[in-house]
Amino acid sequence: NIGWFRQAPGKEREGVSCIRSRIGSTYYTDSVKGRFT
């Protein structure tokens, strides 16, 4: 399972998106929904 995270200066690492291995389901944090794939 793979996750994408981001970290801006002075901020905590934030989960952006992930994709599961076997079932292929995906997740997006609200701020990137509709923009990131």
Full PDB file with SEQRES, HELIX, SHEET, SSBOND, CRYST1, ORIGX, SCALE, CONECT and MASTER records, all heavy atoms in Angstrom:
SEQRES   1 A   37  ASN ILE GLY TRP PHE ARG GLN ALA PRO GLY LYS GLU ARG          
SEQRES   2 A   37  GLU GLY VAL SER CYS ILE ARG SER ARG ILE GLY SER THR          
SEQRES   3 A   37  TYR TYR THR ASP SER VAL LYS GLY ARG PHE THR                  
HELIX    1 AA1 ASP A   30  VAL A   32  5                                   3    
SHEET    1 AA1 3 ILE A   2  ARG A   6  0                                        
SHEET    2 AA1 3 GLU A  14  ILE A  19 -1                                        
SHEET    3 AA1 3 THR A  26  TYR A  28 -1                                        
CRYST1    1.000    1.000    1.000  90.00  90.00  90.00 P 1           1          
ORIGX1      1.000000  0.000000  0.000000        0.00000                         
ORIGX2      0.000000  1.000000  0.000000        0.00000                         
ORIGX3      0.000000  0.000000  1.000000        0.00000                         
SCALE1      1.000000  0.000000  0.000000        0.00000                         
SCALE2      0.000000  1.000000  0.000000        0.00000                         
SCALE3      0.000000  0.000000  1.000000        0.00000                         
ATOM      1  N   ASN A   1       0.861  -1.177   0.000  1.00  0.00           N  
ATOM      2  CA  ASN A   1       0.000   0.000   0.000  1.00  0.00           C  
ATOM      3  C   ASN A   1       0.896   1.226   0.000  1.00  0.00           C  
ATOM      4  O   ASN A   1       1.899   1.276   0.731  1.00  0.00           O  
ATOM      5  CB  ASN A   1      -0.898   0.005   1.232  1.00  0.00           C  
ATOM      6  CG  ASN A   1      -1.807  -1.210   1.284  1.00  0.00           C  
ATOM      7  OD1 ASN A   1      -2.348  -1.634   0.271  1.00  0.00           O  
ATOM      8  ND2 ASN A   1      -1.972  -1.775   2.468  1.00  0.00           N  
ATOM      9  N   ILE A   2       0.534   2.188  -0.806  1.00  0.00           N  
ATOM     10  CA  ILE A   2       1.392   3.354  -1.000  1.00  0.00           C  
ATOM     11  C   ILE A   2       0.671   4.627  -0.591  1.00  0.00           C  
ATOM     12  O   ILE A   2      -0.501   4.816  -0.923  1.00  0.00           O  
ATOM     13  CB  ILE A   2       1.799   3.488  -2.483  1.00  0.00           C  
ATOM     14  CG1 ILE A   2       2.444   2.194  -2.977  1.00  0.00           C  
ATOM     15  CG2 ILE A   2       2.737   4.677  -2.673  1.00  0.00           C  
ATOM     16  CD1 ILE A   2       3.697   1.802  -2.246  1.00  0.00           C  
ATOM     17  N   GLY A   3       1.394   5.462   0.114  1.00  0.00           N  
ATOM     18  CA  GLY A   3       0.848   6.751   0.497  1.00  0.00           C  
ATOM     19  C   GLY A   3       1.713   7.888  -0.015  1.00  0.00           C  
ATOM     20  O   GLY A   3       2.933   7.742  -0.137  1.00  0.00           O  
ATOM     21  N   TRP A   4       1.061   8.986  -0.334  1.00  0.00           N  
ATOM     22  CA  TRP A   4       1.760  10.237  -0.636  1.00  0.00           C  
ATOM     23  C   TRP A   4       1.513  11.199   0.520  1.00  0.00           C  
ATOM     24  O   TRP A   4       0.365  11.378   0.961  1.00  0.00           O  
ATOM     25  CB  TRP A   4       1.259  10.866  -1.927  1.00  0.00           C  
ATOM     26  CG  TRP A   4       1.824  10.286  -3.184  1.00  0.00           C  
ATOM     27  CD1 TRP A   4       1.229   9.386  -4.013  1.00  0.00           C  
ATOM     28  CD2 TRP A   4       3.099  10.576  -3.755  1.00  0.00           C  
ATOM     29  NE1 TRP A   4       2.066   9.101  -5.069  1.00  0.00           N  
ATOM     30  CE2 TRP A   4       3.224   9.816  -4.929  1.00  0.00           C  
ATOM     31  CE3 TRP A   4       4.166  11.414  -3.395  1.00  0.00           C  
ATOM     32  CZ2 TRP A   4       4.350   9.854  -5.754  1.00  0.00           C  
ATOM     33  CZ3 TRP A   4       5.285  11.460  -4.206  1.00  0.00           C  
ATOM     34  CH2 TRP A   4       5.379  10.693  -5.363  1.00  0.00           C  
ATOM     35  N   PHE A   5       2.571  11.823   0.988  1.00  0.00           N  
ATOM     36  CA  PHE A   5       2.509  12.783   2.079  1.00  0.00           C  
ATOM     37  C   PHE A   5       3.177  14.080   1.619  1.00  0.00           C  
ATOM     38  O   PHE A   5       3.929  14.094   0.655  1.00  0.00           O  
ATOM     39  CB  PHE A   5       3.242  12.241   3.311  1.00  0.00           C  
ATOM     40  CG  PHE A   5       2.570  11.058   3.932  1.00  0.00           C  
ATOM     41  CD1 PHE A   5       2.705   9.794   3.381  1.00  0.00           C  
ATOM     42  CD2 PHE A   5       1.804  11.195   5.071  1.00  0.00           C  
ATOM     43  CE1 PHE A   5       2.075   8.694   3.947  1.00  0.00           C  
ATOM     44  CE2 PHE A   5       1.169  10.113   5.656  1.00  0.00           C  
ATOM     45  CZ  PHE A   5       1.311   8.859   5.086  1.00  0.00           C  
ATOM     46  N   ARG A   6       2.911  15.135   2.338  1.00  0.00           N  
ATOM     47  CA  ARG A   6       3.609  16.379   2.077  1.00  0.00           C  
ATOM     48  C   ARG A   6       3.887  17.087   3.397  1.00  0.00           C  
ATOM     49  O   ARG A   6       3.171  16.909   4.370  1.00  0.00           O  
ATOM     50  CB  ARG A   6       2.814  17.280   1.134  1.00  0.00           C  
ATOM     51  CG  ARG A   6       1.491  17.766   1.685  1.00  0.00           C  
ATOM     52  CD  ARG A   6       0.730  18.515   0.593  1.00  0.00           C  
ATOM     53  NE  ARG A   6      -0.569  19.006   1.053  1.00  0.00           N  
ATOM     54  CZ  ARG A   6      -1.478  19.550   0.265  1.00  0.00           C  
ATOM     55  NH1 ARG A   6      -1.244  19.676  -1.047  1.00  0.00           N  
ATOM     56  NH2 ARG A   6      -2.629  19.977   0.776  1.00  0.00           N  
ATOM     57  N   GLN A   7       4.924  17.884   3.366  1.00  0.00           N  
ATOM     58  CA  GLN A   7       5.298  18.641   4.556  1.00  0.00           C  
ATOM     59  C   GLN A   7       5.775  20.017   4.141  1.00  0.00           C  
ATOM     60  O   GLN A   7       6.767  20.143   3.407  1.00  0.00           O  
ATOM     61  CB  GLN A   7       6.377  17.907   5.357  1.00  0.00           C  
ATOM     62  CG  GLN A   7       6.649  18.534   6.704  1.00  0.00           C  
ATOM     63  CD  GLN A   7       7.428  17.611   7.629  1.00  0.00           C  
ATOM     64  OE1 GLN A   7       8.062  16.660   7.186  1.00  0.00           O  
ATOM     65  NE2 GLN A   7       7.356  17.887   8.912  1.00  0.00           N  
ATOM     66  N   ALA A   8       5.059  21.013   4.592  1.00  0.00           N  
ATOM     67  CA  ALA A   8       5.439  22.402   4.355  1.00  0.00           C  
ATOM     68  C   ALA A   8       6.278  22.894   5.525  1.00  0.00           C  
ATOM     69  O   ALA A   8       6.194  22.340   6.633  1.00  0.00           O  
ATOM     70  CB  ALA A   8       4.192  23.261   4.195  1.00  0.00           C  
ATOM     71  N   PRO A   9       7.089  23.916   5.333  1.00  0.00           N  
ATOM     72  CA  PRO A   9       7.932  24.428   6.417  1.00  0.00           C  
ATOM     73  C   PRO A   9       7.105  24.792   7.642  1.00  0.00           C  
ATOM     74  O   PRO A   9       6.083  25.475   7.538  1.00  0.00           O  
ATOM     75  CB  PRO A   9       8.585  25.669   5.798  1.00  0.00           C  
ATOM     76  CG  PRO A   9       8.595  25.387   4.340  1.00  0.00           C  
ATOM     77  CD  PRO A   9       7.335  24.622   4.069  1.00  0.00           C  
ATOM     78  N   GLY A  10       7.525  24.281   8.794  1.00  0.00           N  
ATOM     79  CA  GLY A  10       6.855  24.607  10.045  1.00  0.00           C  
ATOM     80  C   GLY A  10       5.568  23.854  10.292  1.00  0.00           C  
ATOM     81  O   GLY A  10       4.876  24.107  11.274  1.00  0.00           O  
ATOM     82  N   LYS A  11       5.244  22.913   9.391  1.00  0.00           N  
ATOM     83  CA  LYS A  11       4.002  22.166   9.547  1.00  0.00           C  
ATOM     84  C   LYS A  11       4.295  20.682   9.680  1.00  0.00           C  
ATOM     85  O   LYS A  11       5.369  20.201   9.307  1.00  0.00           O  
ATOM     86  CB  LYS A  11       3.081  22.421   8.354  1.00  0.00           C  
ATOM     87  CG  LYS A  11       2.567  23.850   8.258  1.00  0.00           C  
ATOM     88  CD  LYS A  11       1.504  23.977   7.183  1.00  0.00           C  
ATOM     89  CE  LYS A  11       0.926  25.377   7.155  1.00  0.00           C  
ATOM     90  NZ  LYS A  11      -0.140  25.518   6.123  1.00  0.00           N  
ATOM     91  N   GLU A  12       3.323  19.953  10.192  1.00  0.00           N  
ATOM     92  CA  GLU A  12       3.457  18.509  10.315  1.00  0.00           C  
ATOM     93  C   GLU A  12       3.264  17.835   8.950  1.00  0.00           C  
ATOM     94  O   GLU A  12       2.656  18.396   8.046  1.00  0.00           O  
ATOM     95  CB  GLU A  12       2.422  17.968  11.309  1.00  0.00           C  
ATOM     96  CG  GLU A  12       2.660  18.402  12.731  1.00  0.00           C  
ATOM     97  CD  GLU A  12       1.722  17.706  13.713  1.00  0.00           C  
ATOM     98  OE1 GLU A  12       0.828  16.977  13.247  1.00  0.00           O  
ATOM     99  OE2 GLU A  12       1.893  17.882  14.924  1.00  0.00           O  
ATOM    100  N   ARG A  13       3.818  16.637   8.863  1.00  0.00           N  
ATOM    101  CA  ARG A  13       3.636  15.865   7.643  1.00  0.00           C  
ATOM    102  C   ARG A  13       2.153  15.497   7.499  1.00  0.00           C  
ATOM    103  O   ARG A  13       1.525  15.034   8.442  1.00  0.00           O  
ATOM    104  CB  ARG A  13       4.506  14.613   7.683  1.00  0.00           C  
ATOM    105  CG  ARG A  13       4.596  13.890   6.366  1.00  0.00           C  
ATOM    106  CD  ARG A  13       5.752  12.921   6.362  1.00  0.00           C  
ATOM    107  NE  ARG A  13       7.037  13.618   6.457  1.00  0.00           N  
ATOM    108  CZ  ARG A  13       8.218  13.020   6.257  1.00  0.00           C  
ATOM    109  NH1 ARG A  13       8.253  11.727   5.954  1.00  0.00           N  
ATOM    110  NH2 ARG A  13       9.323  13.707   6.382  1.00  0.00           N  
ATOM    111  N   GLU A  14       1.633  15.718   6.308  1.00  0.00           N  
ATOM    112  CA  GLU A  14       0.204  15.539   6.049  1.00  0.00           C  
ATOM    113  C   GLU A  14      -0.021  14.446   5.021  1.00  0.00           C  
ATOM    114  O   GLU A  14       0.656  14.420   3.982  1.00  0.00           O  
ATOM    115  CB  GLU A  14      -0.365  16.869   5.533  1.00  0.00           C  
ATOM    116  CG  GLU A  14      -1.800  16.805   5.057  1.00  0.00           C  
ATOM    117  CD  GLU A  14      -2.233  18.033   4.286  1.00  0.00           C  
ATOM    118  OE1 GLU A  14      -1.360  18.752   3.757  1.00  0.00           O  
ATOM    119  OE2 GLU A  14      -3.452  18.279   4.194  1.00  0.00           O  
ATOM    120  N   GLY A  15      -0.954  13.551   5.307  1.00  0.00           N  
ATOM    121  CA  GLY A  15      -1.314  12.538   4.326  1.00  0.00           C  
ATOM    122  C   GLY A  15      -2.128  13.153   3.206  1.00  0.00           C  
ATOM    123  O   GLY A  15      -3.119  13.817   3.463  1.00  0.00           O  
ATOM    124  N   VAL A  16      -1.714  12.937   1.986  1.00  0.00           N  
ATOM    125  CA  VAL A  16      -2.374  13.527   0.823  1.00  0.00           C  
ATOM    126  C   VAL A  16      -3.258  12.504   0.121  1.00  0.00           C  
ATOM    127  O   VAL A  16      -4.417  12.776  -0.180  1.00  0.00           O  
ATOM    128  CB  VAL A  16      -1.324  14.073  -0.164  1.00  0.00           C  
ATOM    129  CG1 VAL A  16      -1.985  14.580  -1.436  1.00  0.00           C  
ATOM    130  CG2 VAL A  16      -0.498  15.171   0.482  1.00  0.00           C  
ATOM    131  N   SER A  17      -2.702  11.328  -0.126  1.00  0.00           N  
ATOM    132  CA  SER A  17      -3.430  10.330  -0.888  1.00  0.00           C  
ATOM    133  C   SER A  17      -2.789   8.979  -0.649  1.00  0.00           C  
ATOM    134  O   SER A  17      -1.616   8.893  -0.276  1.00  0.00           O  
ATOM    135  CB  SER A  17      -3.386  10.672  -2.384  1.00  0.00           C  
ATOM    136  OG  SER A  17      -4.062   9.695  -3.161  1.00  0.00           O  
ATOM    137  N   CYS A  18      -3.570   7.915  -0.859  1.00  0.00           N  
ATOM    138  CA  CYS A  18      -2.972   6.588  -0.810  1.00  0.00           C  
ATOM    139  C   CYS A  18      -3.748   5.648  -1.716  1.00  0.00           C  
ATOM    140  O   CYS A  18      -4.886   5.929  -2.105  1.00  0.00           O  
ATOM    141  CB  CYS A  18      -2.866   6.043   0.602  1.00  0.00           C  
ATOM    142  SG  CYS A  18      -4.439   5.711   1.373  1.00  0.00           S  
ATOM    143  N   ILE A  19      -3.105   4.554  -2.049  1.00  0.00           N  
ATOM    144  CA  ILE A  19      -3.714   3.551  -2.905  1.00  0.00           C  
ATOM    145  C   ILE A  19      -3.395   2.177  -2.349  1.00  0.00           C  
ATOM    146  O   ILE A  19      -2.257   1.893  -1.977  1.00  0.00           O  
ATOM    147  CB  ILE A  19      -3.240   3.713  -4.373  1.00  0.00           C  
ATOM    148  CG1 ILE A  19      -3.979   2.750  -5.306  1.00  0.00           C  
ATOM    149  CG2 ILE A  19      -1.722   3.547  -4.502  1.00  0.00           C  
ATOM    150  CD1 ILE A  19      -3.810   3.090  -6.780  1.00  0.00           C  
ATOM    151  N   ARG A  20      -4.445   1.375  -2.249  1.00  0.00           N  
ATOM    152  CA  ARG A  20      -4.275   0.050  -1.705  1.00  0.00           C  
ATOM    153  C   ARG A  20      -3.746  -0.890  -2.771  1.00  0.00           C  
ATOM    154  O   ARG A  20      -4.006  -0.722  -3.964  1.00  0.00           O  
ATOM    155  CB  ARG A  20      -5.616  -0.459  -1.170  1.00  0.00           C  
ATOM    156  CG  ARG A  20      -6.223   0.384  -0.070  1.00  0.00           C  
ATOM    157  CD  ARG A  20      -5.500   0.229   1.242  1.00  0.00           C  
ATOM    158  NE  ARG A  20      -5.599  -1.123   1.750  1.00  0.00           N  
ATOM    159  CZ  ARG A  20      -6.608  -1.561   2.513  1.00  0.00           C  
ATOM    160  NH1 ARG A  20      -7.602  -0.757   2.826  1.00  0.00           N  
ATOM    161  NH2 ARG A  20      -6.604  -2.800   2.944  1.00  0.00           N  
ATOM    162  N   SER A  21      -3.054  -1.935  -2.306  1.00  0.00           N  
ATOM    163  CA  SER A  21      -2.440  -2.873  -3.240  1.00  0.00           C  
ATOM    164  C   SER A  21      -3.445  -3.826  -3.865  1.00  0.00           C  
ATOM    165  O   SER A  21      -3.611  -3.876  -5.078  1.00  0.00           O  
ATOM    166  CB  SER A  21      -1.360  -3.691  -2.513  1.00  0.00           C  
ATOM    167  OG  SER A  21      -0.933  -4.757  -3.298  1.00  0.00           O  
ATOM    168  N   ARG A  22      -4.141  -4.571  -3.050  1.00  0.00           N  
ATOM    169  CA  ARG A  22      -4.959  -5.664  -3.580  1.00  0.00           C  
ATOM    170  C   ARG A  22      -6.296  -5.204  -4.118  1.00  0.00           C  
ATOM    171  O   ARG A  22      -6.771  -5.714  -5.134  1.00  0.00           O  
ATOM    172  CB  ARG A  22      -5.164  -6.708  -2.490  1.00  0.00           C  
ATOM    173  CG  ARG A  22      -3.865  -7.392  -2.112  1.00  0.00           C  
ATOM    174  CD  ARG A  22      -4.009  -8.275  -0.903  1.00  0.00           C  
ATOM    175  NE  ARG A  22      -2.731  -8.886  -0.540  1.00  0.00           N  
ATOM    176  CZ  ARG A  22      -2.512  -9.545   0.582  1.00  0.00           C  
ATOM    177  NH1 ARG A  22      -3.479  -9.680   1.448  1.00  0.00           N  
ATOM    178  NH2 ARG A  22      -1.333 -10.066   0.832  1.00  0.00           N  
ATOM    179  N   ILE A  23      -6.909  -4.244  -3.467  1.00  0.00           N  
ATOM    180  CA  ILE A  23      -8.249  -3.841  -3.893  1.00  0.00           C  
ATOM    181  C   ILE A  23      -8.219  -2.565  -4.720  1.00  0.00           C  
ATOM    182  O   ILE A  23      -9.230  -2.198  -5.309  1.00  0.00           O  
ATOM    183  CB  ILE A  23      -9.181  -3.684  -2.680  1.00  0.00           C  
ATOM    184  CG1 ILE A  23      -8.644  -2.653  -1.686  1.00  0.00           C  
ATOM    185  CG2 ILE A  23      -9.373  -5.015  -1.994  1.00  0.00           C  
ATOM    186  CD1 ILE A  23      -9.554  -2.435  -0.480  1.00  0.00           C  
ATOM    187  N   GLY A  24      -7.083  -1.865  -4.731  1.00  0.00           N  
ATOM    188  CA  GLY A  24      -6.939  -0.701  -5.596  1.00  0.00           C  
ATOM    189  C   GLY A  24      -7.712   0.518  -5.167  1.00  0.00           C  
ATOM    190  O   GLY A  24      -7.812   1.487  -5.923  1.00  0.00           O  
ATOM    191  N   SER A  25      -8.281   0.481  -3.960  1.00  0.00           N  
ATOM    192  CA  SER A  25      -9.046   1.644  -3.519  1.00  0.00           C  
ATOM    193  C   SER A  25      -8.104   2.810  -3.240  1.00  0.00           C  
ATOM    194  O   SER A  25      -6.920   2.629  -2.958  1.00  0.00           O  
ATOM    195  CB  SER A  25      -9.861   1.307  -2.281  1.00  0.00           C  
ATOM    196  OG  SER A  25      -9.025   0.879  -1.229  1.00  0.00           O  
ATOM    197  N   THR A  26      -8.656   3.999  -3.341  1.00  0.00           N  
ATOM    198  CA  THR A  26      -7.859   5.203  -3.168  1.00  0.00           C  
ATOM    199  C   THR A  26      -8.475   6.104  -2.109  1.00  0.00           C  
ATOM    200  O   THR A  26      -9.661   6.010  -1.792  1.00  0.00           O  
ATOM    201  CB  THR A  26      -7.741   5.984  -4.488  1.00  0.00           C  
ATOM    202  OG1 THR A  26      -9.053   6.299  -4.959  1.00  0.00           O  
ATOM    203  CG2 THR A  26      -7.016   5.160  -5.548  1.00  0.00           C  
ATOM    204  N   TYR A  27      -7.637   6.957  -1.597  1.00  0.00           N  
ATOM    205  CA  TYR A  27      -8.056   7.921  -0.589  1.00  0.00           C  
ATOM    206  C   TYR A  27      -7.408   9.253  -0.923  1.00  0.00           C  
ATOM    207  O   TYR A  27      -6.266   9.300  -1.395  1.00  0.00           O  
ATOM    208  CB  TYR A  27      -7.611   7.457   0.804  1.00  0.00           C  
ATOM    209  CG  TYR A  27      -7.531   8.581   1.806  1.00  0.00           C  
ATOM    210  CD1 TYR A  27      -8.648   8.944   2.550  1.00  0.00           C  
ATOM    211  CD2 TYR A  27      -6.348   9.303   1.998  1.00  0.00           C  
ATOM    212  CE1 TYR A  27      -8.582   9.988   3.451  1.00  0.00           C  
ATOM    213  CE2 TYR A  27      -6.283  10.348   2.896  1.00  0.00           C  
ATOM    214  CZ  TYR A  27      -7.404  10.684   3.622  1.00  0.00           C  
ATOM    215  OH  TYR A  27      -7.339  11.720   4.504  1.00  0.00           O  
ATOM    216  N   TYR A  28      -8.155  10.345  -0.669  1.00  0.00           N  
ATOM    217  CA  TYR A  28      -7.614  11.691  -0.834  1.00  0.00           C  
ATOM    218  C   TYR A  28      -8.016  12.545   0.343  1.00  0.00           C  
ATOM    219  O   TYR A  28      -9.168  12.491   0.801  1.00  0.00           O  
ATOM    220  CB  TYR A  28      -8.140  12.329  -2.117  1.00  0.00           C  
ATOM    221  CG  TYR A  28      -7.821  11.558  -3.374  1.00  0.00           C  
ATOM    222  CD1 TYR A  28      -8.697  10.609  -3.888  1.00  0.00           C  
ATOM    223  CD2 TYR A  28      -6.609  11.766  -4.034  1.00  0.00           C  
ATOM    224  CE1 TYR A  28      -8.384   9.892  -5.035  1.00  0.00           C  
ATOM    225  CE2 TYR A  28      -6.293  11.059  -5.184  1.00  0.00           C  
ATOM    226  CZ  TYR A  28      -7.182  10.124  -5.670  1.00  0.00           C  
ATOM    227  OH  TYR A  28      -6.863   9.412  -6.804  1.00  0.00           O  
ATOM    228  N   THR A  29      -7.111  13.354   0.803  1.00  0.00           N  
ATOM    229  CA  THR A  29      -7.488  14.321   1.808  1.00  0.00           C  
ATOM    230  C   THR A  29      -8.396  15.366   1.164  1.00  0.00           C  
ATOM    231  O   THR A  29      -8.323  15.604  -0.061  1.00  0.00           O  
ATOM    232  CB  THR A  29      -6.243  14.973   2.438  1.00  0.00           C  
ATOM    233  OG1 THR A  29      -6.607  15.682   3.599  1.00  0.00           O  
ATOM    234  CG2 THR A  29      -5.536  15.897   1.463  1.00  0.00           C  
ATOM    235  N   ASP A  30      -9.257  15.969   1.951  1.00  0.00           N  
ATOM    236  CA  ASP A  30     -10.292  16.836   1.394  1.00  0.00           C  
ATOM    237  C   ASP A  30      -9.729  17.959   0.521  1.00  0.00           C  
ATOM    238  O   ASP A  30     -10.320  18.319  -0.494  1.00  0.00           O  
ATOM    239  CB  ASP A  30     -11.135  17.435   2.519  1.00  0.00           C  
ATOM    240  CG  ASP A  30     -12.094  16.427   3.132  1.00  0.00           C  
ATOM    241  OD1 ASP A  30     -12.304  15.356   2.517  1.00  0.00           O  
ATOM    242  OD2 ASP A  30     -12.628  16.698   4.220  1.00  0.00           O  
ATOM    243  N   SER A  31      -8.604  18.500   0.917  1.00  0.00           N  
ATOM    244  CA  SER A  31      -8.087  19.674   0.218  1.00  0.00           C  
ATOM    245  C   SER A  31      -7.602  19.383  -1.206  1.00  0.00           C  
ATOM    246  O   SER A  31      -7.387  20.315  -1.983  1.00  0.00           O  
ATOM    247  CB  SER A  31      -6.954  20.312   1.023  1.00  0.00           C  
ATOM    248  OG  SER A  31      -5.882  19.402   1.169  1.00  0.00           O  
ATOM    249  N   VAL A  32      -7.429  18.110  -1.552  1.00  0.00           N  
ATOM    250  CA  VAL A  32      -6.939  17.777  -2.896  1.00  0.00           C  
ATOM    251  C   VAL A  32      -7.960  17.001  -3.728  1.00  0.00           C  
ATOM    252  O   VAL A  32      -7.704  16.719  -4.903  1.00  0.00           O  
ATOM    253  CB  VAL A  32      -5.608  16.995  -2.848  1.00  0.00           C  
ATOM    254  CG1 VAL A  32      -4.593  17.718  -1.984  1.00  0.00           C  
ATOM    255  CG2 VAL A  32      -5.826  15.572  -2.369  1.00  0.00           C  
ATOM    256  N   LYS A  33      -9.088  16.666  -3.145  1.00  0.00           N  
ATOM    257  CA  LYS A  33     -10.106  15.910  -3.878  1.00  0.00           C  
ATOM    258  C   LYS A  33     -10.536  16.665  -5.130  1.00  0.00           C  
ATOM    259  O   LYS A  33     -10.783  17.870  -5.088  1.00  0.00           O  
ATOM    260  CB  LYS A  33     -11.311  15.642  -2.976  1.00  0.00           C  
ATOM    261  CG  LYS A  33     -11.085  14.542  -1.968  1.00  0.00           C  
ATOM    262  CD  LYS A  33     -12.328  14.322  -1.120  1.00  0.00           C  
ATOM    263  CE  LYS A  33     -12.094  13.240  -0.089  1.00  0.00           C  
ATOM    264  NZ  LYS A  33     -13.251  13.056   0.814  1.00  0.00           N  
ATOM    265  N   GLY A  34     -10.627  15.938  -6.224  1.00  0.00           N  
ATOM    266  CA  GLY A  34     -11.008  16.546  -7.489  1.00  0.00           C  
ATOM    267  C   GLY A  34      -9.850  17.183  -8.234  1.00  0.00           C  
ATOM    268  O   GLY A  34     -10.013  17.570  -9.404  1.00  0.00           O  
ATOM    269  N   ARG A  35      -8.699  17.308  -7.604  1.00  0.00           N  
ATOM    270  CA  ARG A  35      -7.537  17.926  -8.244  1.00  0.00           C  
ATOM    271  C   ARG A  35      -6.386  16.942  -8.424  1.00  0.00           C  
ATOM    272  O   ARG A  35      -5.645  17.021  -9.404  1.00  0.00           O  
ATOM    273  CB  ARG A  35      -7.056  19.128  -7.430  1.00  0.00           C  
ATOM    274  CG  ARG A  35      -8.090  20.226  -7.264  1.00  0.00           C  
ATOM    275  CD  ARG A  35      -7.487  21.482  -6.624  1.00  0.00           C  
ATOM    276  NE  ARG A  35      -6.963  21.237  -5.290  1.00  0.00           N  
ATOM    277  CZ  ARG A  35      -5.700  21.459  -4.929  1.00  0.00           C  
ATOM    278  NH1 ARG A  35      -4.832  21.908  -5.806  1.00  0.00           N  
ATOM    279  NH2 ARG A  35      -5.300  21.225  -3.692  1.00  0.00           N  
ATOM    280  N   PHE A  36      -6.214  16.042  -7.460  1.00  0.00           N  
ATOM    281  CA  PHE A  36      -5.109  15.082  -7.494  1.00  0.00           C  
ATOM    282  C   PHE A  36      -5.655  13.695  -7.817  1.00  0.00           C  
ATOM    283  O   PHE A  36      -6.774  13.338  -7.422  1.00  0.00           O  
ATOM    284  CB  PHE A  36      -4.409  15.024  -6.144  1.00  0.00           C  
ATOM    285  CG  PHE A  36      -3.610  16.237  -5.773  1.00  0.00           C  
ATOM    286  CD1 PHE A  36      -3.701  17.429  -6.490  1.00  0.00           C  
ATOM    287  CD2 PHE A  36      -2.747  16.204  -4.685  1.00  0.00           C  
ATOM    288  CE1 PHE A  36      -2.964  18.541  -6.133  1.00  0.00           C  
ATOM    289  CE2 PHE A  36      -2.003  17.307  -4.313  1.00  0.00           C  
ATOM    290  CZ  PHE A  36      -2.112  18.481  -5.044  1.00  0.00           C  
ATOM    291  N   THR A  37      -4.842  12.913  -8.507  1.00  0.00           N  
ATOM    292  CA  THR A  37      -5.193  11.537  -8.819  1.00  0.00           C  
ATOM    293  C   THR A  37      -3.989  10.637  -8.581  1.00  0.00           C  
ATOM    294  O   THR A  37      -2.903  10.900  -9.118  1.00  0.00           O  
ATOM    295  CB  THR A  37      -5.644  11.391 -10.278  1.00  0.00           C  
ATOM    296  OG1 THR A  37      -6.749  12.257 -10.534  1.00  0.00           O  
ATOM    297  CG2 THR A  37      -6.070   9.951 -10.562  1.00  0.00           C  
TER     298      THR A  37                                                      
MASTER        0    0    0    1    3    0    0    6  297    1    0    3          
END                                                                             
